[in-house]
C-alpha atoms as a PDB file:
ATOM      1  CA  MET A   1    -121.987 -36.744 -21.951  1.00  0.00           C
ATOM      2  CA  ILE A   2    -120.103 -35.771 -18.813  1.00  0.00           C
ATOM      3  CA  THR A   3    -121.923 -33.881 -16.104  1.00  0.00           C
ATOM      4  CA  LYS A   4    -120.870 -31.008 -13.888  1.00  0.00           C
ATOM      5  CA  GLU A   5    -121.340 -33.306 -10.887  1.00  0.00           C
ATOM      6  CA  SER A   6    -118.915 -35.873 -12.364  1.00  0.00           C
ATOM      7  CA  VAL A   7    -116.283 -33.191 -12.870  1.00  0.00           C
ATOM      8  CA  ALA A   8    -116.835 -31.914  -9.321  1.00  0.00           C
ATOM      9  CA  HIS A   9    -116.510 -35.475  -7.970  1.00  0.00           C
ATOM     10  CA  VAL A  10    -113.209 -36.089  -9.791  1.00  0.00           C
ATOM     11  CA  ALA A  11    -111.955 -32.661  -8.714  1.00  0.00           C
ATOM     12  CA  GLY A  12    -112.789 -33.567  -5.127  1.00  0.00           C
ATOM     13  CA  LEU A  13    -110.879 -36.850  -5.422  1.00  0.00           C
ATOM     14  CA  ALA A  14    -107.888 -34.878  -6.695  1.00  0.00           C
ATOM     15  CA  LYS A  15    -108.362 -32.396  -3.834  1.00  0.00           C
ATOM     16  CA  LEU A  16    -109.000 -29.551  -6.292  1.00  0.00           C
ATOM     17  CA  GLN A  17    -111.469 -26.764  -5.653  1.00  0.00           C
ATOM     18  CA  PHE A  18    -113.212 -24.953  -8.482  1.00  0.00           C
ATOM     19  CA  THR A  19    -115.842 -22.269  -8.629  1.00  0.00           C
ATOM     20  CA  ASP A  20    -119.156 -23.028 -10.364  1.00  0.00           C
ATOM     21  CA  GLU A  21    -117.956 -21.036 -13.370  1.00  0.00           C
ATOM     22  CA  GLU A  22    -114.733 -23.044 -13.579  1.00  0.00           C
ATOM     23  CA  LEU A  23    -116.649 -26.322 -13.221  1.00  0.00           C
ATOM     24  CA  GLN A  24    -118.940 -25.306 -16.068  1.00  0.00           C
ATOM     25  CA  HIS A  25    -115.908 -24.398 -18.230  1.00  0.00           C
ATOM     26  CA  PHE A  26    -114.045 -27.652 -17.496  1.00  0.00           C
ATOM     27  CA  THR A  27    -117.187 -29.724 -18.003  1.00  0.00           C
ATOM     28  CA  GLY A  28    -117.515 -28.286 -21.520  1.00  0.00           C
ATOM     29  CA  GLN A  29    -113.866 -28.949 -22.295  1.00  0.00           C
ATOM     30  CA  LEU A  30    -113.955 -32.519 -20.983  1.00  0.00           C
ATOM     31  CA  ASP A  31    -117.152 -33.204 -22.912  1.00  0.00           C
ATOM     32  CA  GLU A  32    -115.457 -32.068 -26.143  1.00  0.00           C
ATOM     33  CA  ILE A  33    -112.421 -34.277 -25.420  1.00  0.00           C
ATOM     34  CA  LEU A  34    -114.603 -37.327 -24.729  1.00  0.00           C
ATOM     35  CA  ASN A  35    -116.566 -36.689 -27.943  1.00  0.00           C
ATOM     36  CA  MET A  36    -113.300 -36.629 -29.916  1.00  0.00           C
ATOM     37  CA  VAL A  37    -112.266 -39.938 -28.322  1.00  0.00           C
ATOM     38  CA  ASP A  38    -115.631 -41.409 -29.324  1.00  0.00           C
ATOM     39  CA  GLN A  39    -115.077 -40.217 -32.900  1.00  0.00           C
ATOM     40  CA  LEU A  40    -111.660 -41.874 -32.987  1.00  0.00           C
ATOM     41  CA  SER A  41    -113.081 -45.157 -31.725  1.00  0.00           C
ATOM     42  CA  GLU A  42    -115.473 -45.200 -34.701  1.00  0.00           C
ATOM     43  CA  VAL A  43    -112.597 -45.228 -37.211  1.00  0.00           C
ATOM     44  CA  ASP A  44    -112.072 -48.659 -38.785  1.00  0.00           C
ATOM     45  CA  THR A  45    -108.447 -49.666 -38.234  1.00  0.00           C
ATOM     46  CA  GLU A  46    -108.906 -53.403 -38.813  1.00  0.00           C
ATOM     47  CA  ASP A  47    -106.743 -53.667 -41.957  1.00  0.00           C
ATOM     48  CA  MET A  48    -104.213 -51.004 -41.011  1.00  0.00           C
ATOM     49  CA  PRO A  49    -100.644 -52.241 -40.511  1.00  0.00           C
ATOM     50  CA  VAL A  50     -99.002 -51.533 -37.194  1.00  0.00           C
ATOM     51  CA  THR A  51     -96.569 -48.631 -37.378  1.00  0.00           C
ATOM     52  CA  THR A  52     -94.144 -48.258 -34.544  1.00  0.00           C
ATOM     53  CA  GLN A  53     -91.747 -45.890 -36.265  1.00  0.00           C
ATOM     54  CA  ASN A  54     -92.371 -44.031 -39.490  1.00  0.00           C
ATOM     55  CA  VAL A  55     -88.935 -42.437 -39.815  1.00  0.00           C
ATOM     56  CA  VAL A  56     -85.828 -44.384 -40.738  1.00  0.00           C
ATOM     57  CA  LEU A  57     -83.131 -43.456 -38.236  1.00  0.00           C
ATOM     58  CA  GLU A  58     -79.431 -44.024 -38.544  1.00  0.00           C
ATOM     59  CA  ASN A  59     -76.743 -43.863 -35.912  1.00  0.00           C
ATOM     60  CA  VAL A  60     -75.387 -40.332 -36.075  1.00  0.00           C
ATOM     61  CA  LEU A  61     -72.531 -40.933 -33.642  1.00  0.00           C
ATOM     62  CA  ARG A  62     -68.986 -41.318 -34.819  1.00  0.00           C
ATOM     63  CA  ALA A  63     -67.401 -44.733 -34.927  1.00  0.00           C
ATOM     64  CA  ASP A  64     -65.737 -45.791 -31.675  1.00  0.00           C
ATOM     65  CA  GLU A  65     -62.160 -45.968 -32.883  1.00  0.00           C
ATOM     66  CA  ALA A  66     -58.898 -45.485 -31.014  1.00  0.00           C
ATOM     67  CA  THR A  67     -57.113 -42.206 -31.766  1.00  0.00           C
ATOM     68  CA  MET A  68     -53.804 -40.659 -30.857  1.00  0.00           C
ATOM     69  CA  VAL A  69     -53.507 -39.727 -27.191  1.00  0.00           C
ATOM     70  CA  THR A  70     -53.091 -36.024 -26.419  1.00  0.00           C
ATOM     71  CA  PRO A  71     -49.705 -35.424 -24.755  1.00  0.00           C
ATOM     72  CA  ARG A  72     -49.949 -34.711 -21.009  1.00  0.00           C
ATOM     73  CA  ALA A  73     -47.948 -31.468 -21.344  1.00  0.00           C
ATOM     74  CA  GLU A  74     -50.530 -30.124 -23.784  1.00  0.00           C
ATOM     75  CA  LEU A  75     -53.401 -31.106 -21.484  1.00  0.00           C
ATOM     76  CA  MET A  76     -51.732 -29.464 -18.467  1.00  0.00           C
ATOM     77  CA  ARG A  77     -51.007 -26.219 -20.312  1.00  0.00           C
ATOM     78  CA  ASN A  78     -54.131 -24.467 -18.927  1.00  0.00           C
ATOM     79  CA  VAL A  79     -54.021 -25.999 -15.438  1.00  0.00           C
ATOM     80  CA  PRO A  80     -53.365 -23.342 -12.754  1.00  0.00           C
ATOM     81  CA  THR A  81     -51.408 -25.674 -10.462  1.00  0.00           C
ATOM     82  CA  GLU A  82     -50.187 -29.222 -10.775  1.00  0.00           C
ATOM     83  CA  LYS A  83     -48.325 -31.633  -8.563  1.00  0.00           C
ATOM     84  CA  ASP A  84     -46.618 -34.828  -9.721  1.00  0.00           C
ATOM     85  CA  GLY A  85     -48.337 -34.639 -13.115  1.00  0.00           C
ATOM     86  CA  LEU A  86     -51.819 -34.317 -11.601  1.00  0.00           C
ATOM     87  CA  ILE A  87     -54.150 -31.333 -11.372  1.00  0.00           C
ATOM     88  CA  GLN A  88     -53.946 -29.789  -7.916  1.00  0.00           C
ATOM     89  CA  VAL A  89     -57.214 -28.467  -6.533  1.00  0.00           C
ATOM     90  CA  PRO A  90     -58.017 -26.778  -3.225  1.00  0.00           C
ATOM     91  CA  ALA A  91     -59.267 -28.995  -0.410  1.00  0.00           C
ATOM     92  CA  ILE A  92     -63.014 -28.848   0.105  1.00  0.00           C
ATOM     93  CA  ILE A  93     -63.151 -30.919   3.298  1.00  0.00           C
ATOM     94  CA  ASP A  94     -61.250 -29.580   6.268  1.00  0.00           C
ATOM     95  CA  LYS A  95     -59.722 -32.005   8.722  1.00  0.00           C
ATOM     96  CA  GLU A  96     -61.509 -31.837  12.045  1.00  0.00           C
ATOM     97  CA  GLU A  97     -59.410 -31.424  15.122  1.00  0.00           C
ATOM     98  CA  ASP A  98     -59.573 -34.269  17.676  1.00  0.00           C
END
């Protein structure tokens, strides 16, 4: 069983401050959690097979296959401005004067 002093000590290590009421509340919760862990440790799992994944998964991505290339004119149809076949964008870095 965990004590209120143990919870206060761990809270102090974590630099947490709790009121006496909060300490009492957390002590009860932690005690319940530790009791559940004790119950789980009593379960005999000696002959149980190891299960790392219980769901059969398949690759849901499409196959990586070459396809027809989209014509440049079609790609540039929605571009506001272009220059020499490239998308023209405003400069974001101004040249500093010497």
